[in-house]
Amino acid sequence: MESSEEQPGPQPQYPGNHCIRDGDFVVLKREDVFKAVQVQRRKKVTFEKQWFYLDNVIGHSYGTTFEVTNGGSLQPKKKKEEPTSETKEAGTDNRNIIDDGKSQKLTQDDIKALKDKGIKGEEIVQQLIENSTTFRDKTEFAQDKYIKKKKKKYEAMITVVKPSTRILSVMYYAREPGKINHMRYDTLAQMLTLGNIRAGNKMIVMETCAGLVLGAMMERMGGFGSIIQLYPGGGPVRAATACFGFPKSFLSGLYEFPLNKVDSLLNGTFSAEMLSSEPKDNASVEESNGTLEEKQTSEQENEDSVAEAPESNHPEQERMEIVSQDPDYKEPKDSGSKKDYIQEKQRRQEEQKKRHLEAAALLSERNADGLIVASRFHPTPLLLSLLDFVAPSRPFVVYCQYKEPLLECYTKLRERGGVINLRLSETWLRNYQVLPDRSHPKLLMSGGGGYLLSGFTVAMDNLKADPSLKSSTSTLESHKTEEPAAKKRKCPESDS
């Protein structure tokens, strides 16, 4: 009886959060290179010029390191104890070593033959060390550098980690910085801090960073509160947001609203009929010769779409790889089932319209707890319009890759009023190598991660709205103007 009760003990407390499941979004890591993919059985994944399947990662915990074997299979790597430094033979300096290309006895054909035999990369690296005539003459630091270089080339080690804001921002900044407007990960961290992003807030975000800023906000809020995303074009782009793998409960507090309807919402002329014409513009369906031809003109049709991380640097691949969130739902091919597809599409458009109306109602309250702007558009008109939806004493943060647009925005805000504590800042980042006796700043560093304009909203002067206050103020000013100037006191002349 005791043994049966102790069996569930080694299992993790939250197996769903710590173990990899089929359909989860994960990040593949090799050295300093990252790639976000979705775990699917029998799906070939290409990463760092190698292809493999992710079937064997299901059931393992995040952070497990796998080795790519023959046939594209992943096998968990067992940790082995490294030999102590006392057993190594190393030289005193590298002055007498000549790089003439003849120090390695193994040729490329020999290495290829070893690979064809199925020998692991670790054994290949060991044979390269044994067949090198100059390895023992190198210094200990040079030997470590040589081993690290050969391991990177011949050992196919891949670590599967859980997606997070830092990992995804580092991945995007290294692979495709243009899709996130060259926003560095430390700049994103500053935005979340200055914007006071926390659970229970009601936030407004306008971003064109493939959904990275939106995903970072959702991660920090933890599914509590509401986020209203303003998007340009036909629909919001949330490729990076999907890589986080948020549960469906997180999407209940996420709303979207078209940016071209903000002015009508501010003027009070917004109505539900303005949204009814959008589905016809986004996707027009024509029927000719008994067949239906669907013409998609929007950038992204469904708000419930999810994305896989980028695999190429194609500039037009803004959405990366969009797949349906429901794996059972597929676009029908036969003419008989296309009517059901049209009905399903109309149902989704009605749901999208309903969500737009809910977002409009939230914006009309004008009591948002913060505003985040990170787009490729000029920030001045965006910020001046969206600040009207933010409650007083609330923070706002604007990101731009360049400084000059934020300087103009800073000047306009000072003229407009209603804001305090304006600050234009730029973060400086430099990576360090931390190793025994070799700690120093890295030679290559980022030239810039963008600029931030932050501040707080305050209640505007309501004298224009209340005529009585304005009249009383004008009378006070008139009394001040009629008041005679103070006479100067005459100093008595001293007798000489």
Protein backbone atom coordinates (compact mmCIF):
# COMPACT_ATOMS: atom_id res chain seq x y z
CA MET A 1 0.00 0.00 0.00
CA GLU A 2 2.80 2.41 0.80
CA SER A 3 4.56 1.82 -2.49
CA SER A 4 1.37 2.47 -4.46
CA GLU A 5 0.88 5.81 -2.72
CA GLU A 6 4.45 6.93 -3.43
CA GLN A 7 4.33 6.22 -7.17
CA PRO A 8 2.86 9.60 -8.26
CA GLY A 9 5.51 11.46 -6.25
CA PRO A 10 8.20 12.00 -8.95
CA GLN A 11 5.68 13.51 -11.36
CA PRO A 12 5.79 17.31 -11.67
CA GLN A 13 3.17 19.35 -9.88
CA TYR A 14 1.94 20.95 -13.09
CA PRO A 15 2.71 18.46 -15.87
CA GLY A 16 0.98 20.61 -18.47
CA ASN A 17 3.31 23.53 -17.84
CA HIS A 18 6.59 21.62 -17.59
CA CYS A 19 6.15 18.86 -20.19
CA ILE A 20 6.04 19.28 -23.95
CA ARG A 21 2.76 18.26 -25.55
CA ASP A 22 1.63 17.79 -29.12
CA GLY A 23 0.56 21.14 -30.57
CA ASP A 24 2.61 23.28 -28.16
CA PHE A 25 4.75 26.13 -29.41
CA VAL A 26 8.39 25.70 -28.42
CA VAL A 27 11.70 27.41 -29.15
CA LEU A 28 14.63 25.44 -30.51
CA LYS A 29 18.00 26.63 -29.24
CA ARG A 30 21.45 25.85 -30.53
CA GLU A 31 24.27 27.98 -29.16
CA ASP A 32 22.95 31.55 -29.58
CA VAL A 33 20.49 30.76 -32.39
CA PHE A 34 16.75 30.42 -31.70
CA LYS A 35 13.76 29.33 -33.74
CA ALA A 36 10.10 29.07 -32.72
CA VAL A 37 8.11 26.12 -34.09
CA GLN A 38 4.97 24.19 -33.27
CA VAL A 39 5.30 20.59 -32.14
CA GLN A 40 3.52 18.33 -34.61
CA ARG A 41 4.00 14.64 -35.23
CA ARG A 42 5.75 13.59 -38.43
CA LYS A 43 6.42 17.16 -39.44
CA LYS A 44 9.88 17.85 -40.80
CA VAL A 45 11.62 20.83 -39.20
CA THR A 46 14.72 22.48 -40.66
CA PHE A 47 17.02 24.26 -38.24
CA GLU A 48 20.65 25.30 -38.78
CA LYS A 49 20.97 23.30 -42.01
CA GLN A 50 19.64 20.14 -40.36
CA TRP A 51 16.25 18.48 -40.58
CA PHE A 52 14.56 16.33 -37.98
CA TYR A 53 11.22 15.39 -36.47
CA LEU A 54 9.87 16.56 -33.12
CA ASP A 55 7.97 13.38 -32.27
CA ASN A 56 10.41 12.30 -29.56
CA VAL A 57 10.31 15.60 -27.67
CA ILE A 58 6.69 15.02 -26.64
CA GLY A 59 6.52 14.07 -23.00
CA HIS A 60 9.93 15.48 -22.06
CA SER A 61 10.35 18.54 -19.91
CA TYR A 62 11.34 21.96 -21.23
CA GLY A 63 15.07 22.57 -21.22
CA THR A 64 15.96 19.05 -22.35
CA THR A 65 18.87 18.78 -24.80
CA PHE A 66 18.48 16.39 -27.73
CA GLU A 67 20.91 15.01 -30.27
CA VAL A 68 19.97 14.61 -33.93
CA THR A 69 20.56 11.03 -35.05
CA ASN A 70 20.19 9.25 -38.37
CA GLY A 71 16.77 9.51 -39.94
CA GLY A 72 16.02 12.85 -38.30
CA SER A 73 15.21 11.38 -34.92
CA LEU A 74 15.90 13.29 -31.70
CA GLN A 75 17.36 11.42 -28.75
CA PRO A 76 17.86 12.93 -25.27
CA LYS A 77 21.53 13.56 -24.56
CA LYS A 78 22.95 12.04 -21.42
CA LYS A 79 25.26 14.22 -19.39
CA LYS A 80 28.81 12.93 -19.18
CA GLU A 81 31.50 14.01 -16.80
CA GLU A 82 34.16 16.06 -18.52
CA PRO A 83 37.78 15.15 -17.88
CA THR A 84 39.59 17.30 -15.36
CA SER A 85 42.10 19.88 -16.48
CA GLU A 86 44.95 17.96 -14.87
CA THR A 87 44.84 15.25 -17.55
CA LYS A 88 45.12 17.74 -20.42
CA GLU A 89 48.43 18.36 -22.13
CA ALA A 90 48.77 21.94 -23.27
CA GLY A 91 51.54 24.18 -24.51
CA THR A 92 52.71 27.51 -23.18
CA ASP A 93 52.08 29.64 -26.29
CA ASN A 94 51.00 29.41 -29.91
CA ARG A 95 53.91 31.22 -31.54
CA ASN A 96 55.44 28.12 -33.12
CA ILE A 97 52.16 26.78 -34.56
CA ILE A 98 51.86 27.32 -38.31
CA ASP A 99 48.44 27.09 -39.91
CA ASP A 100 49.40 25.45 -43.20
CA GLY A 101 46.37 23.14 -43.42
CA LYS A 102 48.49 20.00 -42.96
CA SER A 103 48.04 19.53 -39.22
CA GLN A 104 44.85 17.47 -39.59
CA LYS A 105 45.36 13.92 -40.84
CA LEU A 106 41.66 13.24 -41.47
CA THR A 107 40.38 14.45 -44.83
CA GLN A 108 36.86 15.53 -45.72
CA ASP A 109 36.23 12.14 -47.32
CA ASP A 110 37.22 10.40 -44.10
CA ILE A 111 34.88 12.59 -42.06
CA LYS A 112 32.06 11.98 -44.53
CA ALA A 113 32.67 8.23 -44.29
CA LEU A 114 32.44 8.43 -40.51
CA LYS A 115 29.11 10.22 -40.79
CA ASP A 116 27.79 7.63 -43.22
CA LYS A 117 28.66 4.87 -40.77
CA GLY A 118 26.43 6.53 -38.18
CA ILE A 119 29.20 7.63 -35.83
CA LYS A 120 28.04 10.35 -33.46
CA GLY A 121 29.42 13.84 -33.60
CA GLU A 122 31.09 13.50 -30.24
CA GLU A 123 33.22 10.62 -31.48
CA ILE A 124 34.06 12.51 -34.67
CA VAL A 125 35.31 15.45 -32.61
CA GLN A 126 37.43 13.08 -30.51
CA GLN A 127 39.00 11.61 -33.63
CA LEU A 128 39.73 15.07 -34.98
CA ILE A 129 41.55 15.87 -31.75
CA GLU A 130 43.57 12.66 -31.86
CA ASN A 131 44.54 13.17 -35.51
CA SER A 132 45.61 16.77 -35.04
CA THR A 133 49.38 17.19 -34.84
CA THR A 134 49.24 20.66 -33.30
CA PHE A 135 46.45 20.21 -30.73
CA ARG A 136 48.75 19.33 -27.82
CA ASP A 137 51.05 22.26 -28.58
CA LYS A 138 48.19 24.77 -28.25
CA THR A 139 47.46 26.58 -25.02
CA GLU A 140 44.60 25.47 -22.83
CA PHE A 141 42.45 28.39 -23.98
CA ALA A 142 43.18 27.59 -27.64
CA GLN A 143 42.28 23.94 -27.07
CA ASP A 144 38.93 24.88 -25.55
CA LYS A 145 38.27 27.19 -28.48
CA TYR A 146 39.17 24.43 -30.95
CA ILE A 147 36.88 21.90 -29.26
CA LYS A 148 34.00 24.36 -29.10
CA LYS A 149 34.37 25.15 -32.80
CA LYS A 150 34.39 21.48 -33.82
CA LYS A 151 31.45 20.64 -31.58
CA LYS A 152 29.40 23.38 -33.14
CA LYS A 153 30.16 21.97 -36.59
CA TYR A 154 29.79 18.24 -36.04
CA GLU A 155 27.63 17.80 -32.94
CA ALA A 156 23.94 18.38 -33.60
CA MET A 157 22.71 19.36 -30.15
CA ILE A 158 19.35 21.09 -29.85
CA THR A 159 17.70 22.33 -26.66
CA VAL A 160 13.93 22.75 -26.49
CA VAL A 161 12.95 25.71 -24.28
CA LYS A 162 9.65 27.32 -23.35
CA PRO A 163 8.79 30.55 -25.22
CA SER A 164 9.12 33.77 -23.26
CA THR A 165 9.33 37.47 -23.99
CA ARG A 166 13.11 37.59 -23.72
CA ILE A 167 13.72 34.51 -25.87
CA LEU A 168 11.33 35.58 -28.63
CA SER A 169 12.62 39.17 -28.66
CA VAL A 170 16.21 37.94 -28.91
CA MET A 171 15.17 35.57 -31.70
CA TYR A 172 13.40 38.25 -33.73
CA TYR A 173 16.14 40.82 -33.21
CA ALA A 174 18.78 38.36 -34.44
CA ARG A 175 16.83 36.77 -37.31
CA GLU A 176 14.46 39.43 -38.65
CA PRO A 177 14.84 42.76 -36.85
CA GLY A 178 12.90 44.61 -39.55
CA LYS A 179 9.66 42.89 -38.58
CA ILE A 180 9.86 44.32 -35.05
CA ASN A 181 11.08 47.76 -36.17
CA HIS A 182 14.59 46.97 -34.86
CA MET A 183 13.37 46.94 -31.27
CA ARG A 184 15.99 45.43 -28.99
CA TYR A 185 14.99 43.21 -26.08
CA ASP A 186 16.22 45.67 -23.43
CA THR A 187 14.15 48.41 -25.04
CA LEU A 188 11.09 46.17 -24.86
CA ALA A 189 11.79 45.57 -21.17
CA GLN A 190 11.96 49.33 -20.61
CA MET A 191 8.61 49.75 -22.38
CA LEU A 192 6.91 47.21 -20.11
CA THR A 193 8.36 48.88 -17.03
CA LEU A 194 7.61 52.47 -18.01
CA GLY A 195 4.10 51.50 -19.13
CA ASN A 196 3.35 49.88 -15.74
CA ILE A 197 2.06 46.71 -17.38
CA ARG A 198 0.51 44.54 -14.67
CA ALA A 199 -2.43 42.24 -14.07
CA GLY A 200 -5.86 43.85 -13.99
CA ASN A 201 -4.97 46.82 -16.18
CA LYS A 202 -6.96 48.13 -19.11
CA MET A 203 -4.32 48.81 -21.75
CA ILE A 204 -4.33 50.24 -25.26
CA VAL A 205 -1.63 49.12 -27.67
CA MET A 206 -0.91 50.15 -31.24
CA GLU A 207 2.01 48.18 -32.65
CA THR A 208 3.33 46.88 -35.95
CA CYS A 209 5.96 44.54 -34.48
CA ALA A 210 4.35 41.28 -35.62
CA GLY A 211 2.55 41.03 -32.28
CA LEU A 212 5.70 40.85 -30.13
CA VAL A 213 4.77 43.82 -27.95
CA LEU A 214 1.22 42.52 -27.60
CA GLY A 215 2.50 39.09 -26.55
CA ALA A 216 4.87 40.63 -24.00
CA MET A 217 1.98 42.59 -22.48
CA MET A 218 -0.26 39.51 -22.35
CA GLU A 219 2.49 37.49 -20.68
CA ARG A 220 3.02 40.11 -17.99
CA MET A 221 -0.71 40.60 -17.35
CA GLY A 222 -1.21 36.85 -17.00
CA GLY A 223 -4.70 36.77 -18.49
CA PHE A 224 -6.13 39.33 -16.05
CA GLY A 225 -7.39 42.64 -17.36
CA SER A 226 -8.11 43.75 -20.91
CA ILE A 227 -6.00 44.82 -23.89
CA ILE A 228 -7.38 46.79 -26.83
CA GLN A 229 -5.21 46.48 -29.91
CA LEU A 230 -5.52 49.08 -32.64
CA TYR A 231 -4.46 47.77 -36.02
CA PRO A 232 -3.97 49.26 -39.49
CA GLY A 233 -5.12 47.53 -42.63
CA GLY A 234 -7.48 44.58 -42.85
CA GLY A 235 -6.61 42.84 -39.59
CA PRO A 236 -4.09 42.56 -36.77
CA VAL A 237 -0.84 40.68 -37.37
CA ARG A 238 -0.13 38.38 -34.42
CA ALA A 239 2.52 36.01 -35.70
CA ALA A 240 4.82 36.56 -32.72
CA THR A 241 1.88 36.51 -30.29
CA ALA A 242 0.98 33.01 -31.42
CA CYS A 243 4.52 31.80 -30.70
CA PHE A 244 3.93 32.38 -26.99
CA GLY A 245 1.35 29.59 -26.96
CA PHE A 246 -1.14 31.36 -24.70
CA PRO A 247 -4.20 29.41 -23.54
CA LYS A 248 -7.64 30.38 -24.78
CA SER A 249 -8.43 32.07 -21.48
CA PHE A 250 -5.87 34.76 -22.32
CA LEU A 251 -7.74 35.66 -25.50
CA SER A 252 -10.98 36.51 -23.68
CA GLY A 253 -9.59 39.87 -22.57
CA LEU A 254 -8.04 40.71 -25.94
CA TYR A 255 -9.95 43.10 -28.20
CA GLU A 256 -9.08 44.72 -31.51
CA PHE A 257 -10.31 47.85 -33.22
CA PRO A 258 -9.45 49.27 -36.66
CA LEU A 259 -7.25 52.33 -36.58
CA ASN A 260 -9.18 54.09 -39.34
CA LYS A 261 -12.30 54.22 -37.12
CA VAL A 262 -10.61 56.01 -34.21
CA ASP A 263 -11.44 59.50 -35.49
CA SER A 264 -15.12 58.67 -35.82
CA LEU A 265 -15.07 57.27 -32.29
CA LEU A 266 -13.55 60.49 -30.98
CA ASN A 267 -16.05 62.65 -32.87
CA GLY A 268 -19.02 60.60 -31.69
CA THR A 269 -20.04 59.57 -35.21
CA PHE A 270 -19.09 55.90 -34.86
CA SER A 271 -21.88 53.37 -35.43
CA ALA A 272 -22.23 49.64 -36.00
CA GLU A 273 -23.12 50.23 -39.65
CA MET A 274 -19.56 51.43 -40.25
CA LEU A 275 -18.27 47.95 -39.44
CA SER A 276 -20.87 46.10 -41.50
CA SER A 277 -19.20 47.14 -44.74
CA GLU A 278 -15.75 45.86 -43.74
CA PRO A 279 -16.24 42.13 -44.40
CA LYS A 280 -17.31 42.91 -47.96
CA ASP A 281 -14.10 44.83 -48.50
CA ASN A 282 -11.88 42.30 -46.77
CA ALA A 283 -13.04 39.22 -48.63
CA SER A 284 -15.36 39.33 -51.62
CA VAL A 285 -16.93 36.10 -52.81
CA GLU A 286 -17.92 35.78 -56.43
CA GLU A 287 -19.88 32.99 -58.01
CA SER A 288 -19.23 32.18 -61.66
CA ASN A 289 -20.06 29.02 -63.69
CA GLY A 290 -21.35 27.26 -60.59
CA THR A 291 -18.06 27.68 -58.72
CA LEU A 292 -17.12 30.02 -55.93
CA GLU A 293 -13.93 32.06 -56.13
CA GLU A 294 -12.81 33.76 -53.00
CA LYS A 295 -10.68 36.87 -53.28
CA GLN A 296 -8.69 37.76 -50.19
CA THR A 297 -7.56 41.38 -50.00
CA SER A 298 -6.86 41.80 -46.31
CA GLU A 299 -3.48 41.10 -44.77
CA GLN A 300 -4.88 38.57 -42.33
CA GLU A 301 -8.40 37.16 -42.47
CA ASN A 302 -9.10 35.53 -39.11
CA GLU A 303 -8.28 36.93 -35.70
CA ASP A 304 -7.97 33.40 -34.27
CA SER A 305 -5.08 32.44 -36.54
CA VAL A 306 -1.81 31.28 -35.06
CA ALA A 307 1.66 31.46 -36.55
CA GLU A 308 4.86 29.53 -36.74
CA ALA A 309 8.19 31.32 -36.36
CA PRO A 310 9.97 32.64 -39.47
CA GLU A 311 12.01 30.24 -41.50
CA SER A 312 13.22 32.61 -44.19
CA ASN A 313 14.11 36.25 -44.57
CA HIS A 314 11.56 36.95 -47.31
CA PRO A 315 10.46 40.58 -46.93
CA GLU A 316 6.86 39.86 -47.97
CA GLN A 317 6.42 37.12 -45.40
CA GLU A 318 4.86 39.43 -42.82
CA ARG A 319 2.59 36.78 -41.36
CA MET A 320 5.28 34.07 -41.52
CA GLU A 321 3.40 30.76 -41.58
CA ILE A 322 -0.23 31.15 -40.62
CA VAL A 323 -2.09 28.00 -39.65
CA SER A 324 -5.55 27.53 -38.30
CA GLN A 325 -5.96 27.34 -34.55
CA ASP A 326 -8.51 24.56 -34.98
CA PRO A 327 -6.67 21.58 -36.52
CA ASP A 328 -9.93 19.88 -37.52
CA TYR A 329 -11.14 22.86 -39.53
CA LYS A 330 -9.96 22.91 -43.12
CA GLU A 331 -11.06 24.82 -46.16
CA PRO A 332 -13.33 22.59 -48.18
CA LYS A 333 -12.37 21.78 -51.73
CA ASP A 334 -15.57 20.34 -53.18
CA SER A 335 -18.38 22.63 -54.32
CA GLY A 336 -20.95 21.00 -52.03
CA SER A 337 -19.16 21.86 -48.82
CA LYS A 338 -18.13 25.37 -49.85
CA LYS A 339 -21.52 26.67 -48.78
CA ASP A 340 -20.76 25.50 -45.26
CA TYR A 341 -17.43 27.23 -45.51
CA ILE A 342 -19.11 30.47 -46.52
CA GLN A 343 -21.51 30.21 -43.59
CA GLU A 344 -18.67 29.52 -41.21
CA LYS A 345 -16.83 32.51 -42.57
CA GLN A 346 -19.84 34.75 -42.15
CA ARG A 347 -20.23 33.53 -38.58
CA ARG A 348 -16.64 34.48 -37.84
CA GLN A 349 -17.16 37.89 -39.39
CA GLU A 350 -20.17 38.43 -37.15
CA GLU A 351 -18.09 37.47 -34.12
CA GLN A 352 -15.36 39.85 -35.24
CA LYS A 353 -17.91 42.63 -35.61
CA LYS A 354 -19.20 41.89 -32.13
CA ARG A 355 -15.67 42.10 -30.72
CA HIS A 356 -15.15 45.41 -32.50
CA LEU A 357 -18.27 46.84 -30.89
CA GLU A 358 -17.09 45.65 -27.48
CA ALA A 359 -13.71 47.30 -28.08
CA ALA A 360 -15.46 50.52 -29.14
CA ALA A 361 -17.48 50.48 -25.91
CA LEU A 362 -14.31 50.04 -23.85
CA LEU A 363 -12.55 52.86 -25.69
CA SER A 364 -15.55 55.17 -25.30
CA GLU A 365 -15.19 54.97 -21.52
CA ARG A 366 -11.89 56.84 -21.87
CA ASN A 367 -10.44 55.37 -18.70
CA ALA A 368 -7.57 53.24 -19.98
CA ASP A 369 -4.71 52.57 -17.56
CA GLY A 370 -1.96 53.03 -20.11
CA LEU A 371 -0.98 53.42 -23.73
CA ILE A 372 1.79 51.68 -25.69
CA VAL A 373 2.69 52.77 -29.23
CA ALA A 374 5.34 50.93 -31.25
CA SER A 375 4.65 51.23 -34.95
CA ARG A 376 6.33 52.08 -38.21
CA PHE A 377 4.09 55.13 -38.62
CA HIS A 378 4.85 58.63 -37.43
CA PRO A 379 4.08 58.70 -33.70
CA THR A 380 2.77 62.28 -33.39
CA PRO A 381 -0.74 61.94 -34.90
CA LEU A 382 -1.18 58.53 -33.29
CA LEU A 383 -0.30 59.69 -29.81
CA LEU A 384 -2.28 62.92 -29.95
CA SER A 385 -5.41 60.98 -30.93
CA LEU A 386 -5.04 58.02 -28.59
CA LEU A 387 -4.21 60.04 -25.48
CA ASP A 388 -7.87 61.05 -25.29
CA PHE A 389 -8.75 57.47 -24.37
CA VAL A 390 -6.33 57.35 -21.40
CA ALA A 391 -7.39 58.31 -17.89
CA PRO A 392 -5.44 60.99 -15.97
CA SER A 393 -2.32 60.00 -14.00
CA ARG A 394 -1.62 57.08 -16.30
CA PRO A 395 1.63 56.31 -18.15
CA PHE A 396 2.20 56.21 -21.89
CA VAL A 397 5.22 54.97 -23.85
CA VAL A 398 6.05 55.56 -27.51
CA TYR A 399 8.76 53.65 -29.35
CA CYS A 400 10.46 54.71 -32.55
CA GLN A 401 13.56 53.49 -34.29
CA TYR A 402 14.71 57.06 -34.90
CA LYS A 403 15.04 60.04 -32.61
CA GLU A 404 13.74 62.85 -34.82
CA PRO A 405 10.05 61.79 -34.93
CA LEU A 406 10.01 61.53 -31.14
CA LEU A 407 11.54 65.01 -30.83
CA GLU A 408 8.68 66.40 -32.92
CA CYS A 409 6.23 64.43 -30.80
CA TYR A 410 7.83 65.82 -27.65
CA THR A 411 7.36 69.39 -28.90
CA LYS A 412 3.73 68.82 -29.87
CA LEU A 413 2.93 67.33 -26.47
CA ARG A 414 4.45 70.32 -24.69
CA GLU A 415 2.32 72.65 -26.79
CA ARG A 416 -0.81 70.57 -26.25
CA GLY A 417 -0.45 70.12 -22.51
CA GLY A 418 -2.10 67.47 -20.40
CA VAL A 419 1.13 65.52 -19.89
CA ILE A 420 3.97 65.70 -17.40
CA ASN A 421 7.32 64.05 -16.81
CA LEU A 422 8.12 63.78 -20.50
CA ARG A 423 11.37 61.93 -21.09
CA LEU A 424 13.14 60.86 -24.25
CA SER A 425 15.58 58.04 -23.57
CA GLU A 426 17.82 55.51 -25.27
CA THR A 427 19.20 52.39 -23.60
CA TRP A 428 22.80 51.34 -24.11
CA LEU A 429 23.61 47.64 -24.16
CA ARG A 430 26.89 45.78 -24.32
CA ASN A 431 27.44 42.07 -23.83
CA TYR A 432 30.31 40.67 -21.79
CA GLN A 433 32.15 37.39 -22.01
CA VAL A 434 32.51 35.96 -18.51
CA LEU A 435 35.07 33.15 -18.36
CA PRO A 436 37.94 32.35 -15.97
CA ASP A 437 40.81 34.75 -16.72
CA ARG A 438 39.07 35.81 -19.95
CA SER A 439 36.27 38.16 -18.89
CA HIS A 440 36.02 41.17 -21.19
CA PRO A 441 33.45 43.07 -23.26
CA LYS A 442 32.60 41.41 -26.54
CA LEU A 443 34.05 43.00 -29.63
CA LEU A 444 30.73 43.21 -31.46
CA MET A 445 27.84 45.12 -29.92
CA SER A 446 24.51 46.55 -30.98
CA GLY A 447 24.63 50.02 -32.45
CA GLY A 448 21.19 51.00 -31.21
CA GLY A 449 17.92 49.56 -30.02
CA GLY A 450 15.56 52.47 -30.66
CA TYR A 451 14.27 55.41 -28.63
CA LEU A 452 11.47 55.76 -26.09
CA LEU A 453 9.27 58.74 -25.25
CA SER A 454 7.47 58.28 -21.95
CA GLY A 455 5.33 60.42 -19.69
CA PHE A 456 2.16 60.63 -17.61
CA THR A 457 -1.24 62.06 -18.44
CA VAL A 458 -2.87 64.71 -16.25
CA ALA A 459 -6.32 66.24 -16.23
CA MET A 460 -6.66 68.94 -18.87
CA ASP A 461 -7.80 72.47 -18.02
CA ASN A 462 -11.61 72.50 -18.37
CA LEU A 463 -12.02 76.27 -18.63
CA LYS A 464 -13.14 76.00 -22.21
CA ALA A 465 -15.88 73.56 -21.29
CA ASP A 466 -17.33 75.65 -18.38
CA PRO A 467 -18.27 79.21 -19.53
CA SER A 468 -18.93 80.43 -15.96
CA LEU A 469 -15.39 79.59 -14.92
CA LYS A 470 -14.08 81.25 -18.03
CA SER A 471 -16.04 84.48 -17.35
CA SER A 472 -14.90 84.63 -13.73
CA THR A 473 -11.35 84.11 -14.80
CA SER A 474 -11.60 86.87 -17.37
CA THR A 475 -12.92 89.31 -14.75
CA LEU A 476 -10.04 88.45 -12.46
CA GLU A 477 -7.61 89.09 -15.27
CA SER A 478 -9.29 92.44 -16.00
CA HIS A 479 -8.94 93.49 -12.36
CA LYS A 480 -5.30 92.61 -12.51
CA THR A 481 -4.78 94.75 -15.57
CA GLU A 482 -6.62 97.73 -14.02
CA GLU A 483 -4.60 97.55 -10.82
CA PRO A 484 -2.11 100.45 -10.76
CA ALA A 485 1.54 99.70 -10.72
CA ALA A 486 3.27 99.74 -7.38
CA LYS A 487 4.98 103.03 -6.59
CA LYS A 488 8.67 103.03 -5.94
CA ARG A 489 9.70 104.13 -2.50
CA LYS A 490 11.68 107.35 -2.59
CA CYS A 491 14.93 107.17 -0.74
CA PRO A 492 15.70 110.22 1.47
CA GLU A 493 18.71 112.27 0.43
CA SER A 494 21.52 112.22 2.93
CA ASP A 495 23.04 115.49 4.11
CA SER A 496 26.52 115.97 2.92
